[in-house]
All heavy atoms as atom14 arrays in JSON, in Angstrom:
{
  "sequence": "ISETCSETWSNEFCAIFAPTAFYPNAFSPNRDGINDIFAP",
  "atom14_mask": [
    [1, 1, 1, 1, 1, 1, 1, 1, 0, 0, 0, 0, 0, 0],
    [1, 1, 1, 1, 1, 1, 0, 0, 0, 0, 0, 0, 0, 0],
    [1, 1, 1, 1, 1, 1, 1, 1, 1, 0, 0, 0, 0, 0],
    [1, 1, 1, 1, 1, 1, 1, 0, 0, 0, 0, 0, 0, 0],
    [1, 1, 1, 1, 1, 1, 0, 0, 0, 0, 0, 0, 0, 0],
    [1, 1, 1, 1, 1, 1, 0, 0, 0, 0, 0, 0, 0, 0],
    [1, 1, 1, 1, 1, 1, 1, 1, 1, 0, 0, 0, 0, 0],
    [1, 1, 1, 1, 1, 1, 1, 0, 0, 0, 0, 0, 0, 0],
    [1, 1, 1, 1, 1, 1, 1, 1, 1, 1, 1, 1, 1, 1],
    [1, 1, 1, 1, 1, 1, 0, 0, 0, 0, 0, 0, 0, 0],
    [1, 1, 1, 1, 1, 1, 1, 1, 0, 0, 0, 0, 0, 0],
    [1, 1, 1, 1, 1, 1, 1, 1, 1, 0, 0, 0, 0, 0],
    [1, 1, 1, 1, 1, 1, 1, 1, 1, 1, 1, 0, 0, 0],
    [1, 1, 1, 1, 1, 1, 0, 0, 0, 0, 0, 0, 0, 0],
    [1, 1, 1, 1, 1, 0, 0, 0, 0, 0, 0, 0, 0, 0],
    [1, 1, 1, 1, 1, 1, 1, 1, 0, 0, 0, 0, 0, 0],
    [1, 1, 1, 1, 1, 1, 1, 1, 1, 1, 1, 0, 0, 0],
    [1, 1, 1, 1, 1, 0, 0, 0, 0, 0, 0, 0, 0, 0],
    [1, 1, 1, 1, 1, 1, 1, 0, 0, 0, 0, 0, 0, 0],
    [1, 1, 1, 1, 1, 1, 1, 0, 0, 0, 0, 0, 0, 0],
    [1, 1, 1, 1, 1, 0, 0, 0, 0, 0, 0, 0, 0, 0],
    [1, 1, 1, 1, 1, 1, 1, 1, 1, 1, 1, 0, 0, 0],
    [1, 1, 1, 1, 1, 1, 1, 1, 1, 1, 1, 1, 0, 0],
    [1, 1, 1, 1, 1, 1, 1, 0, 0, 0, 0, 0, 0, 0],
    [1, 1, 1, 1, 1, 1, 1, 1, 0, 0, 0, 0, 0, 0],
    [1, 1, 1, 1, 1, 0, 0, 0, 0, 0, 0, 0, 0, 0],
    [1, 1, 1, 1, 1, 1, 1, 1, 1, 1, 1, 0, 0, 0],
    [1, 1, 1, 1, 1, 1, 0, 0, 0, 0, 0, 0, 0, 0],
    [1, 1, 1, 1, 1, 1, 1, 0, 0, 0, 0, 0, 0, 0],
    [1, 1, 1, 1, 1, 1, 1, 1, 0, 0, 0, 0, 0, 0],
    [1, 1, 1, 1, 1, 1, 1, 1, 1, 1, 1, 0, 0, 0],
    [1, 1, 1, 1, 1, 1, 1, 1, 0, 0, 0, 0, 0, 0],
    [1, 1, 1, 1, 0, 0, 0, 0, 0, 0, 0, 0, 0, 0],
    [1, 1, 1, 1, 1, 1, 1, 1, 0, 0, 0, 0, 0, 0],
    [1, 1, 1, 1, 1, 1, 1, 1, 0, 0, 0, 0, 0, 0],
    [1, 1, 1, 1, 1, 1, 1, 1, 0, 0, 0, 0, 0, 0],
    [1, 1, 1, 1, 1, 1, 1, 1, 0, 0, 0, 0, 0, 0],
    [1, 1, 1, 1, 1, 1, 1, 1, 1, 1, 1, 0, 0, 0],
    [1, 1, 1, 1, 1, 0, 0, 0, 0, 0, 0, 0, 0, 0],
    [1, 1, 1, 1, 1, 1, 1, 0, 0, 0, 0, 0, 0, 0]
  ],
  "atom14_positions": [
    [[0.86, -1.19, 0.0], [0.0, 0.01, 0.0], [0.9, 1.25, -0.01], [1.62, 1.47, 0.98], [-0.91, 0.04, 1.22], [-1.8, -1.22, 1.29], [-1.82, 1.25, 1.16], [-2.64, -1.29, 2.54], [0.0, 0.0, 0.0], [0.0, 0.0, 0.0], [0.0, 0.0, 0.0], [0.0, 0.0, 0.0], [0.0, 0.0, 0.0], [0.0, 0.0, 0.0]],
    [[0.87, 1.96, -1.1], [1.7, 3.16, -1.21], [3.13, 2.81, -0.93], [3.71, 1.94, -1.6], [1.16, 4.24, -0.28], [1.89, 5.41, -0.47], [0.0, 0.0, 0.0], [0.0, 0.0, 0.0], [0.0, 0.0, 0.0], [0.0, 0.0, 0.0], [0.0, 0.0, 0.0], [0.0, 0.0, 0.0], [0.0, 0.0, 0.0], [0.0, 0.0, 0.0]],
    [[3.71, 3.4, 0.11], [5.11, 3.16, 0.41], [5.26, 2.18, 1.59], [6.38, 2.0, 2.07], [5.81, 4.47, 0.73], [5.84, 5.47, -0.43], [6.57, 6.74, -0.08], [6.96, 6.9, 1.09], [6.73, 7.58, -0.98], [0.0, 0.0, 0.0], [0.0, 0.0, 0.0], [0.0, 0.0, 0.0], [0.0, 0.0, 0.0], [0.0, 0.0, 0.0]],
    [[4.19, 1.56, 2.02], [4.27, 0.63, 3.11], [4.02, -0.79, 2.63], [3.42, -1.03, 1.54], [3.23, 0.96, 4.22], [1.95, 0.82, 3.67], [3.42, 2.38, 4.73], [0.0, 0.0, 0.0], [0.0, 0.0, 0.0], [0.0, 0.0, 0.0], [0.0, 0.0, 0.0], [0.0, 0.0, 0.0], [0.0, 0.0, 0.0], [0.0, 0.0, 0.0]],
    [[4.49, -1.72, 3.37], [4.34, -3.13, 2.98], [4.08, -3.97, 4.23], [4.79, -3.83, 5.25], [5.58, -3.62, 2.27], [5.51, -5.34, 1.75], [0.0, 0.0, 0.0], [0.0, 0.0, 0.0], [0.0, 0.0, 0.0], [0.0, 0.0, 0.0], [0.0, 0.0, 0.0], [0.0, 0.0, 0.0], [0.0, 0.0, 0.0], [0.0, 0.0, 0.0]],
    [[3.07, -4.8, 4.15], [2.76, -5.74, 5.27], [2.94, -7.16, 4.74], [2.71, -7.45, 3.56], [1.33, -5.54, 5.76], [1.12, -4.24, 6.24], [0.0, 0.0, 0.0], [0.0, 0.0, 0.0], [0.0, 0.0, 0.0], [0.0, 0.0, 0.0], [0.0, 0.0, 0.0], [0.0, 0.0, 0.0], [0.0, 0.0, 0.0], [0.0, 0.0, 0.0]],
    [[3.35, -8.07, 5.62], [3.52, -9.45, 5.21], [3.15, -10.35, 6.37], [3.23, -9.95, 7.56], [4.94, -9.72, 4.75], [6.01, -9.54, 5.82], [7.4, -9.85, 5.28], [7.77, -9.35, 4.21], [8.14, -10.55, 6.0], [0.0, 0.0, 0.0], [0.0, 0.0, 0.0], [0.0, 0.0, 0.0], [0.0, 0.0, 0.0], [0.0, 0.0, 0.0]],
    [[2.74, -11.57, 6.03], [2.41, -12.57, 7.02], [2.79, -13.95, 6.48], [2.7, -14.17, 5.27], [0.92, -12.53, 7.4], [0.68, -13.55, 8.41], [0.03, -12.8, 6.22], [0.0, 0.0, 0.0], [0.0, 0.0, 0.0], [0.0, 0.0, 0.0], [0.0, 0.0, 0.0], [0.0, 0.0, 0.0], [0.0, 0.0, 0.0], [0.0, 0.0, 0.0]],
    [[3.19, -14.84, 7.36], [3.63, -16.16, 6.96], [2.66, -17.21, 7.42], [2.0, -17.1, 8.46], [5.0, -16.52, 7.58], [6.13, -15.73, 7.02], [6.65, -14.55, 7.51], [6.94, -16.08, 5.89], [7.72, -14.14, 6.72], [7.92, -15.06, 5.72], [6.93, -17.16, 4.98], [8.87, -15.09, 4.72], [7.9, -17.19, 3.99], [8.84, -16.18, 3.86]],
    [[2.56, -18.27, 6.65], [1.82, -19.44, 7.04], [2.65, -20.35, 7.97], [3.78, -20.03, 8.27], [1.38, -20.25, 5.81], [2.53, -20.94, 5.28], [0.0, 0.0, 0.0], [0.0, 0.0, 0.0], [0.0, 0.0, 0.0], [0.0, 0.0, 0.0], [0.0, 0.0, 0.0], [0.0, 0.0, 0.0], [0.0, 0.0, 0.0], [0.0, 0.0, 0.0]],
    [[2.07, -21.43, 8.36], [2.83, -22.47, 9.03], [3.74, -23.17, 7.98], [3.7, -22.82, 6.78], [1.91, -23.52, 9.62], [1.04, -24.21, 8.54], [0.39, -23.51, 7.76], [1.05, -25.49, 8.49], [0.0, 0.0, 0.0], [0.0, 0.0, 0.0], [0.0, 0.0, 0.0], [0.0, 0.0, 0.0], [0.0, 0.0, 0.0], [0.0, 0.0, 0.0]],
    [[4.54, -24.09, 8.41], [5.4, -24.89, 7.52], [4.8, -26.25, 7.36], [4.33, -26.89, 8.33], [6.84, -24.98, 8.06], [7.58, -23.66, 8.09], [9.0, -23.85, 8.63], [9.46, -25.02, 8.7], [9.62, -22.83, 8.97], [0.0, 0.0, 0.0], [0.0, 0.0, 0.0], [0.0, 0.0, 0.0], [0.0, 0.0, 0.0], [0.0, 0.0, 0.0]],
    [[4.83, -26.78, 6.12], [4.44, -28.18, 5.89], [5.63, -28.94, 5.3], [6.25, -28.42, 4.32], [3.26, -28.29, 4.94], [3.01, -29.69, 4.47], [2.36, -30.59, 5.29], [3.44, -30.13, 3.21], [2.17, -31.91, 4.88], [3.23, -31.42, 2.77], [2.6, -32.32, 3.61], [0.0, 0.0, 0.0], [0.0, 0.0, 0.0], [0.0, 0.0, 0.0]],
    [[5.94, -30.07, 5.86], [7.07, -30.9, 5.35], [6.56, -32.22, 4.85], [5.82, -32.95, 5.54], [8.09, -31.1, 6.44], [9.01, -29.63, 6.94], [0.0, 0.0, 0.0], [0.0, 0.0, 0.0], [0.0, 0.0, 0.0], [0.0, 0.0, 0.0], [0.0, 0.0, 0.0], [0.0, 0.0, 0.0], [0.0, 0.0, 0.0], [0.0, 0.0, 0.0]],
    [[6.93, -32.56, 3.64], [6.66, -33.86, 3.05], [7.92, -34.71, 3.16], [8.95, -34.35, 2.6], [6.2, -33.72, 1.58], [0.0, 0.0, 0.0], [0.0, 0.0, 0.0], [0.0, 0.0, 0.0], [0.0, 0.0, 0.0], [0.0, 0.0, 0.0], [0.0, 0.0, 0.0], [0.0, 0.0, 0.0], [0.0, 0.0, 0.0], [0.0, 0.0, 0.0]],
    [[7.81, -35.82, 3.88], [8.95, -36.72, 4.05], [8.61, -38.05, 3.39], [7.66, -38.74, 3.78], [9.27, -36.94, 5.54], [9.49, -35.59, 6.26], [10.5, -37.8, 5.71], [9.71, -35.7, 7.72], [0.0, 0.0, 0.0], [0.0, 0.0, 0.0], [0.0, 0.0, 0.0], [0.0, 0.0, 0.0], [0.0, 0.0, 0.0], [0.0, 0.0, 0.0]],
    [[9.38, -38.41, 2.4], [9.07, -39.57, 1.6], [9.56, -40.85, 2.27], [10.66, -40.91, 2.84], [9.71, -39.46, 0.2], [8.99, -38.54, -0.71], [9.24, -37.18, -0.68], [8.01, -39.0, -1.56], [8.57, -36.3, -1.5], [7.33, -38.14, -2.4], [7.59, -36.79, -2.37], [0.0, 0.0, 0.0], [0.0, 0.0, 0.0], [0.0, 0.0, 0.0]],
    [[8.72, -41.89, 2.2], [9.09, -43.2, 2.72], [10.01, -43.88, 1.71], [9.95, -43.62, 0.51], [7.84, -44.05, 2.93], [0.0, 0.0, 0.0], [0.0, 0.0, 0.0], [0.0, 0.0, 0.0], [0.0, 0.0, 0.0], [0.0, 0.0, 0.0], [0.0, 0.0, 0.0], [0.0, 0.0, 0.0], [0.0, 0.0, 0.0], [0.0, 0.0, 0.0]],
    [[10.89, -44.78, 2.17], [11.8, -45.46, 1.26], [11.08, -46.4, 0.32], [10.02, -46.98, 0.65], [12.71, -46.25, 2.19], [11.89, -46.5, 3.42], [11.05, -45.26, 3.55], [0.0, 0.0, 0.0], [0.0, 0.0, 0.0], [0.0, 0.0, 0.0], [0.0, 0.0, 0.0], [0.0, 0.0, 0.0], [0.0, 0.0, 0.0], [0.0, 0.0, 0.0]],
    [[11.6, -46.54, -0.91], [11.07, -47.46, -1.9], [12.23, -48.31, -2.43], [13.37, -47.83, -2.52], [10.37, -46.75, -3.04], [11.31, -45.88, -3.68], [9.19, -45.93, -2.55], [0.0, 0.0, 0.0], [0.0, 0.0, 0.0], [0.0, 0.0, 0.0], [0.0, 0.0, 0.0], [0.0, 0.0, 0.0], [0.0, 0.0, 0.0], [0.0, 0.0, 0.0]],
    [[11.94, -49.54, -2.79], [12.96, -50.41, -3.38], [12.27, -51.54, -4.15], [11.45, -52.28, -3.58], [13.85, -50.98, -2.29], [0.0, 0.0, 0.0], [0.0, 0.0, 0.0], [0.0, 0.0, 0.0], [0.0, 0.0, 0.0], [0.0, 0.0, 0.0], [0.0, 0.0, 0.0], [0.0, 0.0, 0.0], [0.0, 0.0, 0.0], [0.0, 0.0, 0.0]],
    [[12.62, -51.65, -5.42], [12.15, -52.73, -6.28], [13.37, -53.38, -6.91], [14.27, -52.72, -7.38], [11.21, -52.16, -7.33], [10.05, -51.38, -6.79], [10.11, -50.02, -6.66], [8.9, -52.03, -6.38], [9.06, -49.27, -6.15], [7.85, -51.32, -5.85], [7.92, -49.93, -5.73], [0.0, 0.0, 0.0], [0.0, 0.0, 0.0], [0.0, 0.0, 0.0]],
    [[13.35, -54.73, -6.94], [14.5, -55.47, -7.45], [14.1, -56.34, -8.65], [13.0, -56.89, -8.67], [15.06, -56.4, -6.35], [15.92, -55.67, -5.36], [15.37, -55.15, -4.17], [17.3, -55.47, -5.59], [16.17, -54.49, -3.26], [18.1, -54.82, -4.67], [17.52, -54.33, -3.5], [18.31, -53.65, -2.61], [0.0, 0.0, 0.0], [0.0, 0.0, 0.0]],
    [[15.0, -56.43, -9.62], [14.73, -57.33, -10.78], [14.84, -58.78, -10.35], [15.47, -59.09, -9.3], [15.84, -56.95, -11.76], [16.95, -56.48, -10.9], [16.33, -55.76, -9.75], [0.0, 0.0, 0.0], [0.0, 0.0, 0.0], [0.0, 0.0, 0.0], [0.0, 0.0, 0.0], [0.0, 0.0, 0.0], [0.0, 0.0, 0.0], [0.0, 0.0, 0.0]],
    [[14.26, -59.67, -11.11], [14.33, -61.12, -10.78], [15.47, -61.83, -11.5], [15.67, -63.03, -11.35], [12.99, -61.82, -11.07], [12.54, -61.66, -12.5], [13.33, -61.3, -13.37], [11.26, -61.92, -12.74], [0.0, 0.0, 0.0], [0.0, 0.0, 0.0], [0.0, 0.0, 0.0], [0.0, 0.0, 0.0], [0.0, 0.0, 0.0], [0.0, 0.0, 0.0]],
    [[16.22, -61.07, -12.34], [17.37, -61.65, -13.03], [18.3, -60.53, -13.49], [17.89, -59.41, -13.66], [16.89, -62.46, -14.25], [0.0, 0.0, 0.0], [0.0, 0.0, 0.0], [0.0, 0.0, 0.0], [0.0, 0.0, 0.0], [0.0, 0.0, 0.0], [0.0, 0.0, 0.0], [0.0, 0.0, 0.0], [0.0, 0.0, 0.0], [0.0, 0.0, 0.0]],
    [[19.6, -60.9, -13.65], [20.56, -59.95, -14.2], [21.68, -60.76, -14.86], [21.85, -61.94, -14.59], [21.07, -58.96, -13.17], [22.05, -59.51, -12.19], [23.35, -59.01, -12.15], [21.71, -60.53, -11.3], [24.29, -59.52, -11.22], [22.64, -61.0, -10.36], [23.93, -60.52, -10.35], [0.0, 0.0, 0.0], [0.0, 0.0, 0.0], [0.0, 0.0, 0.0]],
    [[22.43, -60.09, -15.72], [23.48, -60.78, -16.48], [24.77, -59.99, -16.46], [24.98, -59.08, -17.28], [23.03, -60.95, -17.96], [22.67, -59.73, -18.52], [0.0, 0.0, 0.0], [0.0, 0.0, 0.0], [0.0, 0.0, 0.0], [0.0, 0.0, 0.0], [0.0, 0.0, 0.0], [0.0, 0.0, 0.0], [0.0, 0.0, 0.0], [0.0, 0.0, 0.0]],
    [[25.63, -60.24, -15.49], [26.86, -59.48, -15.36], [27.95, -59.87, -16.36], [28.99, -60.43, -15.99], [27.31, -59.79, -13.9], [26.77, -61.15, -13.65], [25.46, -61.23, -14.41], [0.0, 0.0, 0.0], [0.0, 0.0, 0.0], [0.0, 0.0, 0.0], [0.0, 0.0, 0.0], [0.0, 0.0, 0.0], [0.0, 0.0, 0.0], [0.0, 0.0, 0.0]],
    [[27.67, -59.61, -17.64], [28.64, -59.97, -18.69], [29.32, -58.76, -19.32], [29.92, -58.85, -20.36], [27.92, -60.78, -19.78], [26.7, -60.03, -20.33], [26.52, -58.85, -20.07], [25.89, -60.74, -21.09], [0.0, 0.0, 0.0], [0.0, 0.0, 0.0], [0.0, 0.0, 0.0], [0.0, 0.0, 0.0], [0.0, 0.0, 0.0], [0.0, 0.0, 0.0]],
    [[29.17, -57.62, -18.65], [29.86, -56.37, -19.04], [29.47, -55.89, -20.45], [30.28, -55.29, -21.12], [31.37, -56.54, -18.96], [31.87, -56.9, -17.54], [33.37, -56.96, -17.48], [33.81, -57.27, -16.15], [35.11, -57.38, -15.78], [36.06, -57.18, -16.68], [35.43, -57.68, -14.54], [0.0, 0.0, 0.0], [0.0, 0.0, 0.0], [0.0, 0.0, 0.0]],
    [[28.22, -56.15, -20.81], [27.76, -55.6, -22.08], [27.03, -54.28, -21.88], [26.49, -53.71, -22.85], [26.87, -56.6, -22.81], [25.57, -56.9, -22.04], [25.42, -56.41, -20.88], [24.69, -57.61, -22.59], [0.0, 0.0, 0.0], [0.0, 0.0, 0.0], [0.0, 0.0, 0.0], [0.0, 0.0, 0.0], [0.0, 0.0, 0.0], [0.0, 0.0, 0.0]],
    [[27.01, -53.79, -20.66], [26.37, -52.52, -20.39], [24.89, -52.61, -20.21], [24.19, -51.59, -20.05], [0.0, 0.0, 0.0], [0.0, 0.0, 0.0], [0.0, 0.0, 0.0], [0.0, 0.0, 0.0], [0.0, 0.0, 0.0], [0.0, 0.0, 0.0], [0.0, 0.0, 0.0], [0.0, 0.0, 0.0], [0.0, 0.0, 0.0], [0.0, 0.0, 0.0]],
    [[24.32, -53.83, -20.27], [22.86, -54.03, -20.15], [22.61, -54.94, -18.99], [23.02, -56.12, -19.0], [22.27, -54.6, -21.44], [22.55, -53.68, -22.62], [20.75, -54.8, -21.27], [22.13, -54.26, -23.94], [0.0, 0.0, 0.0], [0.0, 0.0, 0.0], [0.0, 0.0, 0.0], [0.0, 0.0, 0.0], [0.0, 0.0, 0.0], [0.0, 0.0, 0.0]],
    [[21.93, -54.46, -17.93], [21.51, -55.29, -16.81], [22.7, -56.01, -16.18], [22.63, -57.22, -15.85], [20.43, -56.3, -17.26], [19.57, -56.77, -16.11], [19.46, -56.07, -15.09], [18.97, -57.94, -16.29], [0.0, 0.0, 0.0], [0.0, 0.0, 0.0], [0.0, 0.0, 0.0], [0.0, 0.0, 0.0], [0.0, 0.0, 0.0], [0.0, 0.0, 0.0]],
    [[23.8, -55.28, -16.0], [25.04, -55.9, -15.49], [25.06, -56.03, -13.97], [25.94, -56.78, -13.47], [26.26, -55.09, -15.94], [26.65, -55.4, -17.39], [26.34, -56.51, -17.85], [27.23, -54.53, -18.04], [0.0, 0.0, 0.0], [0.0, 0.0, 0.0], [0.0, 0.0, 0.0], [0.0, 0.0, 0.0], [0.0, 0.0, 0.0], [0.0, 0.0, 0.0]],
    [[24.26, -55.29, -13.25], [24.31, -55.32, -11.8], [22.94, -55.58, -11.22], [21.9, -55.33, -11.85], [24.89, -54.01, -11.23], [24.05, -52.81, -11.68], [26.33, -53.84, -11.64], [24.44, -51.52, -11.04], [0.0, 0.0, 0.0], [0.0, 0.0, 0.0], [0.0, 0.0, 0.0], [0.0, 0.0, 0.0], [0.0, 0.0, 0.0], [0.0, 0.0, 0.0]],
    [[22.91, -56.08, -9.98], [21.71, -56.31, -9.24], [21.6, -55.16, -8.25], [22.33, -55.07, -7.28], [21.79, -57.64, -8.52], [20.58, -57.96, -7.67], [19.35, -58.2, -8.24], [20.68, -58.01, -6.28], [18.22, -58.49, -7.48], [19.58, -58.3, -5.49], [18.34, -58.55, -6.11], [0.0, 0.0, 0.0], [0.0, 0.0, 0.0], [0.0, 0.0, 0.0]],
    [[20.69, -54.22, -8.53], [20.61, -53.01, -7.73], [19.13, -52.6, -7.56], [18.29, -52.92, -8.38], [21.38, -51.86, -8.41], [0.0, 0.0, 0.0], [0.0, 0.0, 0.0], [0.0, 0.0, 0.0], [0.0, 0.0, 0.0], [0.0, 0.0, 0.0], [0.0, 0.0, 0.0], [0.0, 0.0, 0.0], [0.0, 0.0, 0.0], [0.0, 0.0, 0.0]],
    [[18.84, -51.85, -6.49], [17.44, -51.46, -6.27], [17.02, -50.34, -7.19], [17.82, -49.48, -7.56], [17.45, -51.0, -4.82], [18.86, -50.5, -4.6], [19.72, -51.41, -5.41], [0.0, 0.0, 0.0], [0.0, 0.0, 0.0], [0.0, 0.0, 0.0], [0.0, 0.0, 0.0], [0.0, 0.0, 0.0], [0.0, 0.0, 0.0], [0.0, 0.0, 0.0]]
  ]
}
């Protein structure tokens, strides 16, 4: 408003993600660059 300024803050909301992990049922460590490791 003109040369004045007012401000107000809300509360804080934090989203904390739960861990996820999915694993393949097969892999082929033959160093061809495709599916070489078993990783989540």
